[in-house]
Structures are given as structure tokens and as C-alpha cells.
Amino acid sequence: MNNNIYDSEYPYGCREIDLKAYNKENTGLGVLCQFSKGDILDENERKKIFKNIKSGCKEKKVWALLGGTEKNQWICLQVASASNISEEIISDIKCMLPITSKDTRPWKSQFHEKVFVVQYGLDVRCQKYRDMFERFSSFSIIIIEPKTYLKDSNNIYNSVKYAEVKYAYDTQALYWNAIKEEHEILRKIQQKQE
């Protein structure tokens, strides 16, 4: 039994993605931007990425993060939906940055100074994105247009949430977890596949 998914062979149980199939009509899937680890670490390049995200995500609700290998192989790492995806994407990319001394400070209580040193950014979400950063050499942000991606399928669910869950299922996204109503949507999608 594997202790870690990365002990298994690539693509780790995920479906490999051909980016050439994206940005074509009637797929509902578009590549917003691609960047490397080095781009994330370089402040000027990171600013360009963030500017591109802000301009390309206006009125968009569903996105995915793909991880690329040095052999230009891609798998889906995460899928999400939000009312403001540009802020969410930028925040997630910032989580990939290594912790520096700027991320630590003494913590004080009501009655005592410097009780211990706090390291910011060690919540599960940031650890997840740092793990992605460590394991993949490049990244691609995908915008998902729910109506086109779902091909106007008749479903009783919110199309944004349904598109998120369906894309996560279709790609077997490595880090994605269903929350709240996404569990029910996922069950419905799985039932349709049986």
C-alpha cells in the first residue's frame, strides 16, 4: 500500500490533460496563463501574472490550476469557484511562496510579550499550495465557462458549482475536495457515469 500518492507512477491517478484541446470553440475551457516556479519567485514576473489574472478573470466564476512536469505533461491540481476568482487565484499563488523571516513575528498574550514565534501561512490551504509548488515545474490557470463546458445539460444545481465538480471529476483533480453541496453534485455525476 502506498503511503503517498507520489509514490505511485505519474499521473498519480489523475487524467493527463492535453492543453492543445483547450481554447477551442465549444469546449468551455480556456488557458488564461502559464508560468513557472521561477516566475512565481520573481517579483516582477509575479506582478505580470497577477495583472493578467485580474484582467482575464472579470465576471468569471470557475477556474482550475494545472501542474506541469518538465516533460510538459499536465494534470489538474485544483478546481474552484468563487464570486471573485481573481482574488482567490492570486491568494493561492501567494501561498506558494516560501516562508521567510517576514512571515514570522513574536506572539504576545494579554499579559506577556513574546510568548512564542508565530509563522504565518502554515494553514492547510497554504501547505497544499506549497506542496504543489514543490512538486511541479510549471502551472497553468484554466478558465471554465459553465454553460459551454456543461453543454447546457439539464441539471437542477447551480451551473457554476456543477461545472466545478464536473471538471474536478473529469480530470480527477489531485488536491480538490468536495465541500457542502458539492458532495451531492459529485454523487450525481458519479451515478451518471455508472
N, C-alpha and C. Protein backbone atom coordinates (compact mmCIF):
# COMPACT_ATOMS: atom_id res chain seq x y z
N MET A 1 0.84 -1.19 0.00
CA MET A 1 0.00 0.00 0.00
C MET A 1 0.88 1.24 0.00
N ASN A 2 0.57 2.20 -0.88
CA ASN A 2 1.34 3.45 -0.94
C ASN A 2 1.00 4.34 0.23
N ASN A 3 2.00 4.94 0.82
CA ASN A 3 1.78 5.90 1.88
C ASN A 3 1.48 7.27 1.30
N ASN A 4 1.93 7.53 0.09
CA ASN A 4 1.83 8.83 -0.52
C ASN A 4 1.49 8.65 -1.99
N ILE A 5 0.60 9.46 -2.49
CA ILE A 5 0.19 9.35 -3.90
C ILE A 5 1.40 9.50 -4.83
N TYR A 6 2.40 10.26 -4.42
CA TYR A 6 3.56 10.50 -5.28
C TYR A 6 4.49 9.29 -5.33
N ASP A 7 4.22 8.26 -4.50
CA ASP A 7 4.97 7.02 -4.59
C ASP A 7 4.50 6.20 -5.80
N SER A 8 3.31 6.51 -6.31
CA SER A 8 2.79 5.82 -7.48
C SER A 8 3.33 6.51 -8.74
N GLU A 9 3.03 5.93 -9.88
CA GLU A 9 3.54 6.49 -11.13
C GLU A 9 2.71 7.69 -11.58
N TYR A 10 3.38 8.63 -12.27
CA TYR A 10 2.69 9.75 -12.89
C TYR A 10 1.68 9.17 -13.87
N PRO A 11 0.49 9.65 -13.96
CA PRO A 11 -0.11 10.88 -13.45
C PRO A 11 -0.84 10.74 -12.11
N TYR A 12 -0.41 9.82 -11.25
CA TYR A 12 -0.90 9.70 -9.87
C TYR A 12 -2.40 9.47 -9.78
N GLY A 13 -2.97 8.77 -10.72
CA GLY A 13 -4.40 8.51 -10.69
C GLY A 13 -5.25 9.63 -11.29
N CYS A 14 -4.60 10.67 -11.76
CA CYS A 14 -5.31 11.79 -12.41
C CYS A 14 -5.37 11.50 -13.92
N ARG A 15 -6.20 12.26 -14.61
CA ARG A 15 -6.24 12.15 -16.07
C ARG A 15 -5.30 13.19 -16.65
N GLU A 16 -4.42 12.75 -17.52
CA GLU A 16 -3.49 13.68 -18.15
C GLU A 16 -4.26 14.60 -19.09
N ILE A 17 -3.84 15.86 -19.16
CA ILE A 17 -4.57 16.88 -19.92
C ILE A 17 -3.74 17.34 -21.11
N ASP A 18 -4.38 17.41 -22.27
CA ASP A 18 -3.76 17.94 -23.47
C ASP A 18 -4.19 19.39 -23.62
N LEU A 19 -3.31 20.31 -23.32
CA LEU A 19 -3.66 21.74 -23.37
C LEU A 19 -3.99 22.21 -24.79
N LYS A 20 -3.55 21.47 -25.80
CA LYS A 20 -3.85 21.87 -27.17
C LYS A 20 -5.35 21.82 -27.45
N ALA A 21 -6.07 21.00 -26.69
CA ALA A 21 -7.51 20.88 -26.88
C ALA A 21 -8.27 22.06 -26.25
N TYR A 22 -7.59 22.85 -25.47
CA TYR A 22 -8.23 24.00 -24.82
C TYR A 22 -8.19 25.21 -25.75
N ASN A 23 -8.97 26.23 -25.40
CA ASN A 23 -9.10 27.45 -26.20
C ASN A 23 -9.74 27.19 -27.56
N LYS A 24 -10.38 26.07 -27.71
CA LYS A 24 -11.11 25.80 -28.93
C LYS A 24 -12.58 26.04 -28.67
N GLU A 25 -13.29 26.41 -29.72
CA GLU A 25 -14.72 26.68 -29.57
C GLU A 25 -15.45 25.46 -29.02
N ASN A 26 -16.49 25.74 -28.30
CA ASN A 26 -17.41 24.72 -27.78
C ASN A 26 -16.83 23.81 -26.70
N THR A 27 -15.66 24.13 -26.15
CA THR A 27 -15.15 23.31 -25.04
C THR A 27 -15.49 23.95 -23.69
N GLY A 28 -15.57 25.29 -23.67
CA GLY A 28 -15.80 25.99 -22.40
C GLY A 28 -14.55 26.05 -21.54
N LEU A 29 -13.42 25.65 -22.10
CA LEU A 29 -12.15 25.62 -21.36
C LEU A 29 -11.13 26.51 -22.06
N GLY A 30 -10.52 27.40 -21.30
CA GLY A 30 -9.52 28.28 -21.89
C GLY A 30 -8.32 28.46 -20.99
N VAL A 31 -7.14 28.50 -21.59
CA VAL A 31 -5.91 28.73 -20.83
C VAL A 31 -5.76 30.24 -20.65
N LEU A 32 -5.79 30.68 -19.41
CA LEU A 32 -5.62 32.10 -19.12
C LEU A 32 -4.15 32.47 -19.14
N CYS A 33 -3.32 31.70 -18.44
CA CYS A 33 -1.89 31.98 -18.41
C CYS A 33 -1.12 30.76 -17.95
N GLN A 34 0.16 30.74 -18.31
CA GLN A 34 1.08 29.70 -17.87
C GLN A 34 2.29 30.38 -17.26
N PHE A 35 2.86 29.75 -16.24
CA PHE A 35 4.02 30.32 -15.58
C PHE A 35 4.82 29.23 -14.89
N SER A 36 6.06 29.54 -14.61
CA SER A 36 6.96 28.57 -13.98
C SER A 36 7.15 28.91 -12.50
N LYS A 37 7.83 28.01 -11.80
CA LYS A 37 8.19 28.28 -10.41
C LYS A 37 9.00 29.58 -10.32
N GLY A 38 9.93 29.73 -11.25
CA GLY A 38 10.77 30.92 -11.26
C GLY A 38 9.96 32.20 -11.40
N ASP A 39 8.90 32.14 -12.21
CA ASP A 39 8.03 33.31 -12.39
C ASP A 39 7.33 33.66 -11.08
N ILE A 40 6.95 32.65 -10.32
CA ILE A 40 6.30 32.91 -9.03
C ILE A 40 7.27 33.57 -8.06
N LEU A 41 8.51 33.14 -8.08
CA LEU A 41 9.52 33.67 -7.15
C LEU A 41 10.00 35.07 -7.53
N ASP A 42 9.97 35.39 -8.83
CA ASP A 42 10.43 36.69 -9.31
C ASP A 42 9.31 37.72 -9.14
N GLU A 43 9.56 38.73 -8.34
CA GLU A 43 8.51 39.71 -8.02
C GLU A 43 7.92 40.39 -9.26
N ASN A 44 8.77 40.77 -10.21
CA ASN A 44 8.28 41.44 -11.43
C ASN A 44 7.42 40.50 -12.27
N GLU A 45 7.86 39.26 -12.42
CA GLU A 45 7.08 38.29 -13.19
C GLU A 45 5.76 37.97 -12.47
N ARG A 46 5.83 37.87 -11.16
CA ARG A 46 4.62 37.59 -10.37
C ARG A 46 3.60 38.72 -10.55
N LYS A 47 4.07 39.96 -10.57
CA LYS A 47 3.16 41.09 -10.80
C LYS A 47 2.50 41.00 -12.17
N LYS A 48 3.25 40.58 -13.19
CA LYS A 48 2.68 40.40 -14.54
C LYS A 48 1.61 39.31 -14.53
N ILE A 49 1.90 38.22 -13.84
CA ILE A 49 0.92 37.13 -13.73
C ILE A 49 -0.35 37.64 -13.07
N PHE A 50 -0.20 38.37 -11.97
CA PHE A 50 -1.36 38.89 -11.24
C PHE A 50 -2.16 39.87 -12.09
N LYS A 51 -1.48 40.71 -12.87
CA LYS A 51 -2.16 41.65 -13.76
C LYS A 51 -2.96 40.89 -14.82
N ASN A 52 -2.36 39.86 -15.37
CA ASN A 52 -3.03 39.03 -16.37
C ASN A 52 -4.26 38.35 -15.76
N ILE A 53 -4.13 37.86 -14.55
CA ILE A 53 -5.25 37.20 -13.87
C ILE A 53 -6.38 38.20 -13.62
N LYS A 54 -6.03 39.39 -13.13
CA LYS A 54 -7.06 40.40 -12.86
C LYS A 54 -7.82 40.79 -14.12
N SER A 55 -7.10 40.94 -15.23
CA SER A 55 -7.78 41.36 -16.46
C SER A 55 -8.54 40.20 -17.12
N GLY A 56 -8.06 38.98 -16.97
CA GLY A 56 -8.67 37.84 -17.65
C GLY A 56 -9.79 37.15 -16.89
N CYS A 57 -9.99 37.55 -15.65
CA CYS A 57 -10.99 36.84 -14.82
C CYS A 57 -12.23 37.66 -14.53
N LYS A 58 -12.36 38.80 -15.15
CA LYS A 58 -13.55 39.62 -14.90
C LYS A 58 -14.81 38.83 -15.24
N GLU A 59 -15.71 38.79 -14.29
CA GLU A 59 -17.00 38.13 -14.43
C GLU A 59 -16.90 36.62 -14.66
N LYS A 60 -15.75 36.04 -14.39
CA LYS A 60 -15.58 34.59 -14.48
C LYS A 60 -15.80 34.00 -13.09
N LYS A 61 -16.30 32.78 -13.05
CA LYS A 61 -16.66 32.18 -11.76
C LYS A 61 -15.98 30.85 -11.46
N VAL A 62 -15.45 30.16 -12.45
CA VAL A 62 -14.86 28.84 -12.24
C VAL A 62 -13.46 28.81 -12.85
N TRP A 63 -12.53 28.23 -12.11
CA TRP A 63 -11.16 28.15 -12.58
C TRP A 63 -10.52 26.84 -12.13
N ALA A 64 -9.42 26.51 -12.76
CA ALA A 64 -8.66 25.32 -12.38
C ALA A 64 -7.17 25.65 -12.46
N LEU A 65 -6.41 24.98 -11.63
CA LEU A 65 -4.95 25.10 -11.64
C LEU A 65 -4.38 23.77 -12.10
N LEU A 66 -3.61 23.81 -13.17
CA LEU A 66 -2.94 22.62 -13.67
C LEU A 66 -1.48 22.67 -13.28
N GLY A 67 -0.92 21.51 -13.03
CA GLY A 67 0.51 21.40 -12.76
C GLY A 67 1.18 20.70 -13.91
N GLY A 68 2.33 21.24 -14.32
CA GLY A 68 3.07 20.68 -15.44
C GLY A 68 4.40 20.11 -15.00
N THR A 69 4.81 19.05 -15.68
CA THR A 69 6.11 18.45 -15.41
C THR A 69 7.15 19.06 -16.37
N GLU A 70 8.38 18.69 -16.16
CA GLU A 70 9.44 19.17 -17.06
C GLU A 70 9.28 18.61 -18.47
N LYS A 71 8.51 17.53 -18.61
CA LYS A 71 8.24 16.94 -19.93
C LYS A 71 6.99 17.53 -20.56
N ASN A 72 6.48 18.63 -20.00
CA ASN A 72 5.29 19.32 -20.50
C ASN A 72 4.05 18.43 -20.46
N GLN A 73 3.95 17.63 -19.40
CA GLN A 73 2.76 16.82 -19.14
C GLN A 73 1.95 17.57 -18.09
N TRP A 74 0.63 17.57 -18.24
CA TRP A 74 -0.23 18.36 -17.36
C TRP A 74 -1.29 17.51 -16.68
N ILE A 75 -1.53 17.82 -15.41
CA ILE A 75 -2.66 17.25 -14.68
C ILE A 75 -3.34 18.38 -13.90
N CYS A 76 -4.61 18.15 -13.56
CA CYS A 76 -5.35 19.15 -12.79
C CYS A 76 -5.01 18.98 -11.31
N LEU A 77 -4.63 20.07 -10.69
CA LEU A 77 -4.32 20.06 -9.27
C LEU A 77 -5.51 20.49 -8.42
N GLN A 78 -6.18 21.56 -8.86
CA GLN A 78 -7.25 22.15 -8.05
C GLN A 78 -8.29 22.77 -8.97
N VAL A 79 -9.53 22.74 -8.52
CA VAL A 79 -10.64 23.40 -9.21
C VAL A 79 -11.41 24.18 -8.17
N ALA A 80 -11.86 25.36 -8.53
CA ALA A 80 -12.60 26.17 -7.55
C ALA A 80 -13.56 27.11 -8.27
N SER A 81 -14.52 27.57 -7.49
CA SER A 81 -15.45 28.59 -7.99
C SER A 81 -15.60 29.64 -6.90
N ALA A 82 -15.80 30.86 -7.33
CA ALA A 82 -15.96 31.97 -6.39
C ALA A 82 -16.58 33.14 -7.12
N SER A 83 -17.12 34.08 -6.35
CA SER A 83 -17.68 35.28 -6.97
C SER A 83 -16.58 36.18 -7.51
N ASN A 84 -15.38 36.11 -6.93
CA ASN A 84 -14.24 36.88 -7.42
C ASN A 84 -13.04 35.95 -7.53
N ILE A 85 -12.93 35.26 -8.66
CA ILE A 85 -11.87 34.26 -8.77
C ILE A 85 -10.48 34.87 -8.88
N SER A 86 -10.38 36.11 -9.37
CA SER A 86 -9.03 36.69 -9.48
C SER A 86 -8.39 36.83 -8.11
N GLU A 87 -9.13 37.30 -7.11
CA GLU A 87 -8.58 37.41 -5.75
C GLU A 87 -8.21 36.05 -5.20
N GLU A 88 -9.06 35.05 -5.46
CA GLU A 88 -8.79 33.70 -4.96
C GLU A 88 -7.53 33.12 -5.60
N ILE A 89 -7.40 33.25 -6.91
CA ILE A 89 -6.23 32.71 -7.61
C ILE A 89 -4.95 33.39 -7.13
N ILE A 90 -4.98 34.70 -7.04
CA ILE A 90 -3.80 35.44 -6.59
C ILE A 90 -3.41 35.03 -5.17
N SER A 91 -4.39 34.91 -4.30
CA SER A 91 -4.13 34.48 -2.93
C SER A 91 -3.50 33.08 -2.90
N ASP A 92 -4.02 32.18 -3.74
CA ASP A 92 -3.48 30.82 -3.78
C ASP A 92 -2.05 30.81 -4.31
N ILE A 93 -1.76 31.61 -5.31
CA ILE A 93 -0.38 31.68 -5.82
C ILE A 93 0.55 32.24 -4.75
N LYS A 94 0.09 33.23 -4.02
CA LYS A 94 0.91 33.78 -2.93
C LYS A 94 1.23 32.72 -1.88
N CYS A 95 0.30 31.79 -1.69
CA CYS A 95 0.55 30.70 -0.74
C CYS A 95 1.72 29.82 -1.17
N MET A 96 2.03 29.83 -2.45
CA MET A 96 3.14 29.01 -2.95
C MET A 96 4.50 29.58 -2.55
N LEU A 97 4.54 30.85 -2.22
CA LEU A 97 5.81 31.47 -1.88
C LEU A 97 6.40 30.88 -0.61
N PRO A 98 7.71 30.67 -0.58
CA PRO A 98 8.34 30.12 0.62
C PRO A 98 8.19 31.08 1.81
N ILE A 99 8.17 30.50 3.00
CA ILE A 99 8.11 31.31 4.22
C ILE A 99 9.46 31.97 4.44
N THR A 100 9.43 33.24 4.73
CA THR A 100 10.66 33.99 5.03
C THR A 100 10.55 34.57 6.44
N SER A 101 11.59 35.26 6.85
CA SER A 101 11.56 35.87 8.18
C SER A 101 10.45 36.91 8.29
N LYS A 102 10.00 37.47 7.15
CA LYS A 102 8.89 38.42 7.16
C LYS A 102 7.59 37.76 7.59
N ASP A 103 7.55 36.42 7.47
CA ASP A 103 6.34 35.68 7.80
C ASP A 103 6.29 35.22 9.25
N THR A 104 7.25 35.65 10.04
CA THR A 104 7.27 35.28 11.44
C THR A 104 7.27 36.55 12.30
N ARG A 105 6.69 36.40 13.46
CA ARG A 105 6.73 37.51 14.41
C ARG A 105 6.44 36.96 15.80
N PRO A 106 6.93 37.65 16.80
CA PRO A 106 6.63 37.21 18.17
C PRO A 106 5.13 37.37 18.45
N TRP A 107 4.58 36.42 19.15
CA TRP A 107 3.18 36.47 19.52
C TRP A 107 3.11 36.84 20.98
N LYS A 108 2.23 37.77 21.29
CA LYS A 108 2.08 38.17 22.69
C LYS A 108 0.67 37.89 23.16
N SER A 109 0.57 37.64 24.43
CA SER A 109 -0.75 37.44 25.03
C SER A 109 -1.17 38.74 25.72
N GLN A 110 -2.28 38.69 26.33
CA GLN A 110 -2.78 39.87 27.04
C GLN A 110 -1.78 40.35 28.10
N PHE A 111 -1.09 39.43 28.74
CA PHE A 111 -0.24 39.80 29.87
C PHE A 111 1.25 39.61 29.64
N HIS A 112 1.64 39.01 28.52
CA HIS A 112 3.06 38.69 28.32
C HIS A 112 3.49 39.03 26.90
N GLU A 113 4.71 39.51 26.78
CA GLU A 113 5.33 39.78 25.48
C GLU A 113 6.07 38.53 25.02
N LYS A 114 6.12 38.31 23.73
CA LYS A 114 6.93 37.24 23.12
C LYS A 114 6.70 35.88 23.79
N VAL A 115 5.48 35.42 23.75
CA VAL A 115 5.16 34.10 24.31
C VAL A 115 5.76 33.01 23.42
N PHE A 116 5.62 33.17 22.11
CA PHE A 116 6.25 32.27 21.14
C PHE A 116 6.28 32.97 19.79
N VAL A 117 6.94 32.36 18.83
CA VAL A 117 7.05 32.94 17.49
C VAL A 117 6.01 32.28 16.58
N VAL A 118 5.24 33.11 15.92
CA VAL A 118 4.19 32.66 15.01
C VAL A 118 4.74 32.68 13.59
N GLN A 119 4.47 31.59 12.85
CA GLN A 119 4.77 31.57 11.42
C GLN A 119 3.45 31.66 10.68
N TYR A 120 3.29 32.73 9.91
CA TYR A 120 2.08 32.90 9.12
C TYR A 120 2.10 31.97 7.92
N GLY A 121 0.95 31.66 7.41
CA GLY A 121 0.87 30.89 6.18
C GLY A 121 1.07 29.40 6.36
N LEU A 122 0.90 28.87 7.55
CA LEU A 122 1.06 27.44 7.73
C LEU A 122 -0.28 26.72 7.85
N ASP A 123 -1.35 27.37 7.44
CA ASP A 123 -2.64 26.68 7.45
C ASP A 123 -2.64 25.61 6.35
N VAL A 124 -3.60 24.73 6.38
CA VAL A 124 -3.65 23.62 5.43
C VAL A 124 -3.68 24.12 4.00
N ARG A 125 -4.44 25.15 3.73
CA ARG A 125 -4.54 25.69 2.37
C ARG A 125 -3.17 26.10 1.84
N CYS A 126 -2.42 26.86 2.63
CA CYS A 126 -1.10 27.30 2.18
C CYS A 126 -0.14 26.12 2.05
N GLN A 127 -0.24 25.17 2.95
CA GLN A 127 0.63 23.99 2.84
C GLN A 127 0.33 23.22 1.56
N LYS A 128 -0.95 23.15 1.20
CA LYS A 128 -1.35 22.46 -0.02
C LYS A 128 -0.71 23.14 -1.25
N TYR A 129 -0.79 24.46 -1.32
CA TYR A 129 -0.23 25.17 -2.47
C TYR A 129 1.30 25.15 -2.47
N ARG A 130 1.91 25.12 -1.30
CA ARG A 130 3.37 24.99 -1.26
C ARG A 130 3.79 23.61 -1.74
N ASP A 131 2.99 22.60 -1.41
CA ASP A 131 3.29 21.26 -1.89
C ASP A 131 3.21 21.21 -3.42
N MET A 132 2.20 21.85 -3.99
CA MET A 132 2.09 21.92 -5.45
C MET A 132 3.34 22.58 -6.04
N PHE A 133 3.75 23.67 -5.42
CA PHE A 133 4.92 24.41 -5.88
C PHE A 133 6.16 23.51 -5.88
N GLU A 134 6.31 22.72 -4.83
CA GLU A 134 7.48 21.86 -4.71
C GLU A 134 7.48 20.73 -5.73
N ARG A 135 6.32 20.26 -6.11
CA ARG A 135 6.23 19.05 -6.92
C ARG A 135 6.10 19.28 -8.43
N PHE A 136 5.74 20.47 -8.84
CA PHE A 136 5.52 20.73 -10.26
C PHE A 136 6.40 21.88 -10.73
N SER A 137 6.83 21.82 -12.00
CA SER A 137 7.75 22.82 -12.51
C SER A 137 7.05 24.01 -13.15
N SER A 138 5.80 23.81 -13.57
CA SER A 138 5.07 24.90 -14.20
C SER A 138 3.58 24.76 -13.89
N PHE A 139 2.88 25.86 -14.13
CA PHE A 139 1.47 25.92 -13.77
C PHE A 139 0.68 26.61 -14.88
N SER A 140 -0.58 26.27 -14.96
CA SER A 140 -1.46 26.88 -15.94
C SER A 140 -2.79 27.15 -15.27
N ILE A 141 -3.31 28.36 -15.48
CA ILE A 141 -4.62 28.72 -14.97
C ILE A 141 -5.62 28.52 -16.10
N ILE A 142 -6.66 27.76 -15.83
CA ILE A 142 -7.70 27.46 -16.80
C ILE A 142 -8.99 28.16 -16.36
N ILE A 143 -9.65 28.80 -17.29
CA ILE A 143 -10.96 29.40 -17.03
C ILE A 143 -12.01 28.45 -17.61
N ILE A 144 -13.02 28.17 -16.82
CA ILE A 144 -14.09 27.26 -17.25
C ILE A 144 -15.37 28.07 -17.39
N GLU A 145 -15.95 28.04 -18.58
CA GLU A 145 -17.23 28.70 -18.85
C GLU A 145 -18.32 27.66 -18.64
N PRO A 146 -19.06 27.73 -17.53
CA PRO A 146 -20.01 26.67 -17.19
C PRO A 146 -21.00 26.29 -18.28
N LYS A 147 -21.66 27.25 -18.89
CA LYS A 147 -22.69 26.91 -19.88
C LYS A 147 -22.11 26.15 -21.06
N THR A 148 -20.96 26.58 -21.54
CA THR A 148 -20.35 25.91 -22.69
C THR A 148 -19.76 24.56 -22.27
N TYR A 149 -19.08 24.53 -21.14
CA TYR A 149 -18.46 23.29 -20.68
C TYR A 149 -19.52 22.21 -20.41
N LEU A 150 -20.62 22.62 -19.81
CA LEU A 150 -21.69 21.67 -19.48
C LEU A 150 -22.60 21.39 -20.67
N LYS A 151 -22.39 22.14 -21.74
CA LYS A 151 -23.19 21.99 -22.96
C LYS A 151 -24.69 22.08 -22.64
N ASP A 152 -25.00 23.05 -21.77
CA ASP A 152 -26.38 23.31 -21.37
C ASP A 152 -27.10 22.05 -20.89
N SER A 153 -26.36 21.17 -20.20
CA SER A 153 -27.01 19.97 -19.67
C SER A 153 -28.08 20.38 -18.67
N ASN A 154 -29.12 19.62 -18.65
CA ASN A 154 -30.21 19.92 -17.72
C ASN A 154 -29.83 19.37 -16.35
N ASN A 155 -29.48 20.26 -15.46
CA ASN A 155 -29.23 19.82 -14.10
C ASN A 155 -29.94 20.78 -13.15
N ILE A 156 -30.23 20.29 -12.00
CA ILE A 156 -31.01 21.08 -11.04
C ILE A 156 -30.11 21.91 -10.14
N TYR A 157 -28.81 21.83 -10.36
CA TYR A 157 -27.86 22.51 -9.50
C TYR A 157 -27.39 23.83 -10.11
N ASN A 158 -26.80 24.63 -9.28
CA ASN A 158 -26.15 25.86 -9.73
C ASN A 158 -25.10 25.47 -10.77
N SER A 159 -25.14 26.07 -11.95
CA SER A 159 -24.24 25.67 -13.04
C SER A 159 -22.77 25.93 -12.72
N VAL A 160 -22.49 26.96 -11.92
CA VAL A 160 -21.09 27.25 -11.54
C VAL A 160 -20.55 26.10 -10.68
N LYS A 161 -21.29 25.73 -9.66
CA LYS A 161 -20.86 24.63 -8.78
C LYS A 161 -20.80 23.32 -9.55
N TYR A 162 -21.80 23.10 -10.40
CA TYR A 162 -21.83 21.86 -11.17
C TYR A 162 -20.61 21.77 -12.10
N ALA A 163 -20.25 22.87 -12.74
CA ALA A 163 -19.08 22.88 -13.64
C ALA A 163 -17.80 22.60 -12.85
N GLU A 164 -17.70 23.20 -11.66
CA GLU A 164 -16.52 22.96 -10.82
C GLU A 164 -16.38 21.47 -10.51
N VAL A 165 -17.46 20.88 -10.01
CA VAL A 165 -17.42 19.48 -9.60
C VAL A 165 -17.20 18.57 -10.81
N LYS A 166 -17.86 18.86 -11.92
CA LYS A 166 -17.72 18.01 -13.11
C LYS A 166 -16.29 18.05 -13.64
N TYR A 167 -15.68 19.24 -13.68
CA TYR A 167 -14.30 19.33 -14.17
C TYR A 167 -13.35 18.60 -13.21
N ALA A 168 -13.57 18.77 -11.92
CA ALA A 168 -12.74 18.06 -10.93
C ALA A 168 -12.87 16.54 -11.14
N TYR A 169 -14.09 16.09 -11.35
CA TYR A 169 -14.32 14.65 -11.59
C TYR A 169 -13.70 14.21 -12.91
N ASP A 170 -13.96 14.97 -13.97
CA ASP A 170 -13.45 14.60 -15.30
C ASP A 170 -11.94 14.48 -15.32
N THR A 171 -11.26 15.32 -14.56
CA THR A 171 -9.79 15.32 -14.57
C THR A 171 -9.20 14.55 -13.40
N GLN A 172 -10.07 14.17 -12.45
CA GLN A 172 -9.61 13.54 -11.20
C GLN A 172 -8.59 14.44 -10.51
N ALA A 173 -8.96 15.70 -10.33
CA ALA A 173 -8.08 16.74 -9.76
C ALA A 173 -7.41 16.24 -8.48
N LEU A 174 -6.11 16.41 -8.43
CA LEU A 174 -5.29 15.82 -7.38
C LEU A 174 -5.58 16.35 -5.98
N TYR A 175 -5.78 17.64 -5.82
CA TYR A 175 -5.93 18.24 -4.49
C TYR A 175 -7.37 18.66 -4.17
N TRP A 176 -8.28 18.51 -5.10
CA TRP A 176 -9.64 19.01 -4.92
C TRP A 176 -10.41 18.16 -3.91
N ASN A 177 -11.19 18.81 -3.06
CA ASN A 177 -12.10 18.15 -2.13
C ASN A 177 -13.47 18.79 -2.26
N ALA A 178 -14.49 17.97 -2.26
CA ALA A 178 -15.86 18.49 -2.30
C ALA A 178 -16.21 19.09 -0.93
N ILE A 179 -16.94 20.19 -0.97
CA ILE A 179 -17.45 20.78 0.27
C ILE A 179 -18.94 21.07 0.09
N LYS A 180 -19.65 21.03 1.19
CA LYS A 180 -21.08 21.34 1.23
C LYS A 180 -21.85 20.62 0.12
N GLU A 181 -22.59 21.39 -0.70
CA GLU A 181 -23.46 20.79 -1.73
C GLU A 181 -22.68 20.09 -2.83
N GLU A 182 -21.37 20.30 -2.91
CA GLU A 182 -20.56 19.64 -3.93
C GLU A 182 -20.55 18.12 -3.75
N HIS A 183 -20.72 17.63 -2.52
CA HIS A 183 -20.79 16.19 -2.27
C HIS A 183 -21.98 15.57 -3.02
N GLU A 184 -23.12 16.21 -2.94
CA GLU A 184 -24.32 15.71 -3.61
C GLU A 184 -24.15 15.78 -5.13
N ILE A 185 -23.58 16.87 -5.62
CA ILE A 185 -23.35 17.00 -7.06
C ILE A 185 -22.40 15.91 -7.54
N LEU A 186 -21.35 15.66 -6.78
CA LEU A 186 -20.39 14.62 -7.15
C LEU A 186 -21.06 13.25 -7.21
N ARG A 187 -21.90 12.95 -6.24
CA ARG A 187 -22.63 11.67 -6.26
C ARG A 187 -23.47 11.53 -7.53
N LYS A 188 -24.15 12.62 -7.91
CA LYS A 188 -24.97 12.60 -9.13
C LYS A 188 -24.11 12.36 -10.37
N ILE A 189 -22.99 13.03 -10.44
CA ILE A 189 -22.08 12.87 -11.59
C ILE A 189 -21.55 11.44 -11.64
N GLN A 190 -21.18 10.91 -10.50
CA GLN A 190 -20.66 9.53 -10.45
C GLN A 190 -21.76 8.54 -10.86
N GLN A 191 -22.98 8.77 -10.43
CA GLN A 191 -24.09 7.89 -10.80
C GLN A 191 -24.32 7.90 -12.31
N LYS A 192 -24.19 9.06 -12.94
CA LYS A 192 -24.37 9.16 -14.39
C LYS A 192 -23.30 8.37 -15.13
N GLN A 193 -22.12 8.25 -14.53
CA GLN A 193 -21.01 7.55 -15.18
C GLN A 193 -21.12 6.03 -15.05
N GLU A 194 -21.94 5.58 -14.12
CA GLU A 194 -22.06 4.13 -13.89
C GLU A 194 -22.91 3.46 -14.93
